[in-house]
Amino acid sequence: MTKDSRTSAAKPQSIQAHTTGESLAEFERDWLRLGSQRALEIVSEACRHIPDELLNLAPDIPWKGAIVDGVD
């Protein structure tokens, strides 16, 4: 993703084009999905930075499952 494509997504014209014809329920569902997706990305990224010594203290947690390359 280029810097331009990230910044253009925040422009009002892009938001309007993306949401035209969408009901409030659809809009809320999309934002809930996007918010949940972003939260998972943050948790995954944070897990990548936990030292192995700490990961080994909680072997019952499926750390490999928490660390993903991306969320679709």
N, C-alpha and C. Protein backbone atom coordinates (compact mmCIF):
# COMPACT_ATOMS: atom_id res chain seq x y z
N MET A 1 0.85 -1.17 0.00
CA MET A 1 0.00 0.00 0.00
C MET A 1 0.89 1.23 0.00
N THR A 2 0.62 2.15 -0.87
CA THR A 2 1.42 3.36 -0.93
C THR A 2 0.90 4.38 0.05
N LYS A 3 1.74 5.35 0.36
CA LYS A 3 1.34 6.41 1.26
C LYS A 3 0.11 7.15 0.71
N ASP A 4 0.09 7.38 -0.60
CA ASP A 4 -1.03 8.09 -1.20
C ASP A 4 -2.33 7.33 -1.05
N SER A 5 -2.30 6.00 -1.18
CA SER A 5 -3.54 5.23 -1.06
C SER A 5 -4.03 5.23 0.38
N ARG A 6 -3.11 5.30 1.36
CA ARG A 6 -3.54 5.36 2.76
C ARG A 6 -4.17 6.70 3.07
N THR A 7 -3.57 7.77 2.61
CA THR A 7 -4.09 9.10 2.94
C THR A 7 -5.35 9.41 2.16
N SER A 8 -5.47 8.91 0.95
CA SER A 8 -6.68 9.19 0.17
C SER A 8 -7.90 8.53 0.77
N ALA A 9 -7.71 7.43 1.51
CA ALA A 9 -8.84 6.75 2.13
C ALA A 9 -9.50 7.62 3.18
N ALA A 10 -8.77 8.58 3.75
CA ALA A 10 -9.32 9.44 4.79
C ALA A 10 -9.98 10.69 4.23
N LYS A 11 -9.87 10.91 2.95
CA LYS A 11 -10.46 12.11 2.36
C LYS A 11 -11.97 11.99 2.35
N PRO A 12 -12.68 13.09 2.63
CA PRO A 12 -14.14 13.04 2.66
C PRO A 12 -14.76 12.51 1.38
N GLN A 13 -14.17 12.83 0.22
CA GLN A 13 -14.74 12.34 -1.04
C GLN A 13 -14.70 10.81 -1.08
N SER A 14 -13.61 10.23 -0.59
CA SER A 14 -13.47 8.77 -0.59
C SER A 14 -14.47 8.14 0.35
N ILE A 15 -14.65 8.75 1.50
CA ILE A 15 -15.62 8.22 2.47
C ILE A 15 -17.02 8.29 1.89
N GLN A 16 -17.36 9.41 1.28
CA GLN A 16 -18.67 9.57 0.69
C GLN A 16 -18.89 8.55 -0.43
N ALA A 17 -17.89 8.38 -1.28
CA ALA A 17 -18.02 7.43 -2.38
C ALA A 17 -18.18 6.00 -1.86
N HIS A 18 -17.50 5.70 -0.78
CA HIS A 18 -17.56 4.35 -0.20
C HIS A 18 -18.88 4.06 0.49
N THR A 19 -19.53 5.09 1.02
CA THR A 19 -20.74 4.88 1.82
C THR A 19 -22.04 5.26 1.12
N THR A 20 -21.97 5.82 -0.08
CA THR A 20 -23.18 6.21 -0.80
C THR A 20 -24.07 5.00 -1.01
N GLY A 21 -25.33 5.15 -0.65
CA GLY A 21 -26.30 4.07 -0.82
C GLY A 21 -26.29 3.05 0.29
N GLU A 22 -25.46 3.24 1.29
CA GLU A 22 -25.35 2.31 2.40
C GLU A 22 -26.31 2.74 3.51
N SER A 23 -26.99 1.78 4.11
CA SER A 23 -27.87 2.10 5.23
C SER A 23 -27.03 2.34 6.48
N LEU A 24 -27.66 2.93 7.50
CA LEU A 24 -26.95 3.17 8.76
C LEU A 24 -26.50 1.84 9.37
N ALA A 25 -27.34 0.82 9.29
CA ALA A 25 -26.99 -0.50 9.83
C ALA A 25 -25.77 -1.07 9.11
N GLU A 26 -25.71 -0.92 7.80
CA GLU A 26 -24.55 -1.41 7.03
C GLU A 26 -23.30 -0.62 7.40
N PHE A 27 -23.44 0.68 7.53
CA PHE A 27 -22.32 1.54 7.91
C PHE A 27 -21.78 1.13 9.29
N GLU A 28 -22.67 0.96 10.26
CA GLU A 28 -22.25 0.55 11.61
C GLU A 28 -21.59 -0.82 11.59
N ARG A 29 -22.13 -1.75 10.82
CA ARG A 29 -21.56 -3.10 10.72
C ARG A 29 -20.14 -3.03 10.15
N ASP A 30 -19.97 -2.23 9.10
CA ASP A 30 -18.65 -2.09 8.49
C ASP A 30 -17.65 -1.50 9.48
N TRP A 31 -18.05 -0.47 10.22
CA TRP A 31 -17.13 0.16 11.19
C TRP A 31 -16.83 -0.77 12.34
N LEU A 32 -17.80 -1.56 12.76
CA LEU A 32 -17.54 -2.54 13.82
C LEU A 32 -16.54 -3.57 13.33
N ARG A 33 -16.69 -4.03 12.10
CA ARG A 33 -15.75 -5.00 11.53
C ARG A 33 -14.36 -4.38 11.41
N LEU A 34 -14.29 -3.17 10.88
CA LEU A 34 -12.99 -2.51 10.72
C LEU A 34 -12.32 -2.24 12.06
N GLY A 35 -13.10 -1.85 13.05
CA GLY A 35 -12.54 -1.62 14.38
C GLY A 35 -12.03 -2.89 15.00
N SER A 36 -12.78 -3.98 14.86
CA SER A 36 -12.36 -5.27 15.38
C SER A 36 -11.10 -5.75 14.66
N GLN A 37 -11.07 -5.57 13.37
CA GLN A 37 -9.93 -5.97 12.56
C GLN A 37 -8.68 -5.20 13.00
N ARG A 38 -8.82 -3.91 13.22
CA ARG A 38 -7.67 -3.09 13.64
C ARG A 38 -7.19 -3.51 15.03
N ALA A 39 -8.12 -3.83 15.92
CA ALA A 39 -7.74 -4.28 17.26
C ALA A 39 -6.94 -5.57 17.18
N LEU A 40 -7.35 -6.50 16.32
CA LEU A 40 -6.60 -7.75 16.15
C LEU A 40 -5.21 -7.49 15.58
N GLU A 41 -5.10 -6.55 14.66
CA GLU A 41 -3.79 -6.20 14.11
C GLU A 41 -2.87 -5.66 15.20
N ILE A 42 -3.41 -4.82 16.08
CA ILE A 42 -2.61 -4.24 17.16
C ILE A 42 -2.15 -5.32 18.13
N VAL A 43 -3.05 -6.22 18.52
CA VAL A 43 -2.69 -7.31 19.43
C VAL A 43 -1.64 -8.21 18.79
N SER A 44 -1.83 -8.52 17.52
CA SER A 44 -0.88 -9.39 16.82
C SER A 44 0.50 -8.75 16.77
N GLU A 45 0.54 -7.47 16.44
CA GLU A 45 1.83 -6.77 16.38
C GLU A 45 2.48 -6.73 17.75
N ALA A 46 1.71 -6.50 18.78
CA ALA A 46 2.27 -6.47 20.14
C ALA A 46 2.83 -7.83 20.52
N CYS A 47 2.16 -8.90 20.14
CA CYS A 47 2.62 -10.26 20.46
C CYS A 47 3.96 -10.57 19.80
N ARG A 48 4.20 -9.99 18.66
CA ARG A 48 5.48 -10.21 17.96
C ARG A 48 6.67 -9.70 18.77
N HIS A 49 6.41 -8.76 19.67
CA HIS A 49 7.49 -8.12 20.42
C HIS A 49 7.66 -8.67 21.84
N ILE A 50 6.89 -9.68 22.18
CA ILE A 50 7.02 -10.30 23.50
C ILE A 50 8.21 -11.26 23.45
N PRO A 51 9.16 -11.10 24.36
CA PRO A 51 10.32 -11.99 24.36
C PRO A 51 9.92 -13.45 24.61
N ASP A 52 10.67 -14.37 24.01
CA ASP A 52 10.38 -15.80 24.16
C ASP A 52 10.32 -16.21 25.62
N GLU A 53 11.16 -15.60 26.46
CA GLU A 53 11.17 -15.95 27.89
C GLU A 53 9.79 -15.70 28.52
N LEU A 54 9.14 -14.64 28.11
CA LEU A 54 7.80 -14.35 28.63
C LEU A 54 6.75 -15.26 27.99
N LEU A 55 6.87 -15.50 26.70
CA LEU A 55 5.92 -16.41 26.03
C LEU A 55 5.94 -17.78 26.68
N ASN A 56 7.12 -18.23 27.08
CA ASN A 56 7.26 -19.56 27.68
C ASN A 56 6.63 -19.64 29.07
N LEU A 57 6.35 -18.49 29.69
CA LEU A 57 5.70 -18.49 31.01
C LEU A 57 4.21 -18.83 30.90
N ALA A 58 3.66 -18.72 29.70
CA ALA A 58 2.24 -19.01 29.49
C ALA A 58 2.09 -19.96 28.31
N PRO A 59 2.52 -21.21 28.47
CA PRO A 59 2.48 -22.15 27.34
C PRO A 59 1.07 -22.54 26.91
N ASP A 60 0.08 -22.30 27.76
CA ASP A 60 -1.30 -22.65 27.42
C ASP A 60 -1.94 -21.65 26.45
N ILE A 61 -1.31 -20.50 26.24
CA ILE A 61 -1.82 -19.49 25.30
C ILE A 61 -1.26 -19.81 23.90
N PRO A 62 -2.14 -19.91 22.91
CA PRO A 62 -1.67 -20.22 21.55
C PRO A 62 -1.05 -18.99 20.88
N TRP A 63 0.16 -18.65 21.28
CA TRP A 63 0.82 -17.44 20.78
C TRP A 63 0.96 -17.43 19.27
N LYS A 64 1.26 -18.56 18.66
CA LYS A 64 1.43 -18.62 17.21
C LYS A 64 0.14 -18.21 16.51
N GLY A 65 -1.01 -18.51 17.11
CA GLY A 65 -2.29 -18.13 16.54
C GLY A 65 -2.58 -16.65 16.69
N ALA A 66 -1.98 -16.03 17.71
CA ALA A 66 -2.18 -14.60 17.94
C ALA A 66 -1.31 -13.76 17.03
N ILE A 67 -0.22 -14.35 16.57
CA ILE A 67 0.72 -13.63 15.72
C ILE A 67 0.40 -13.99 14.27
N VAL A 68 -0.23 -13.06 13.57
CA VAL A 68 -0.60 -13.31 12.17
C VAL A 68 0.07 -12.27 11.28
N ASP A 69 0.23 -12.63 10.02
CA ASP A 69 0.86 -11.71 9.08
C ASP A 69 -0.07 -10.58 8.68
N GLY A 70 -1.34 -10.81 8.70
CA GLY A 70 -2.31 -9.80 8.33
C GLY A 70 -3.71 -10.33 8.56
N VAL A 71 -4.65 -9.45 8.56
CA VAL A 71 -6.05 -9.83 8.78
C VAL A 71 -6.81 -9.47 7.52
N ASP A 72 -7.54 -10.43 6.98
CA ASP A 72 -8.33 -10.17 5.77
C ASP A 72 -9.72 -9.70 6.11
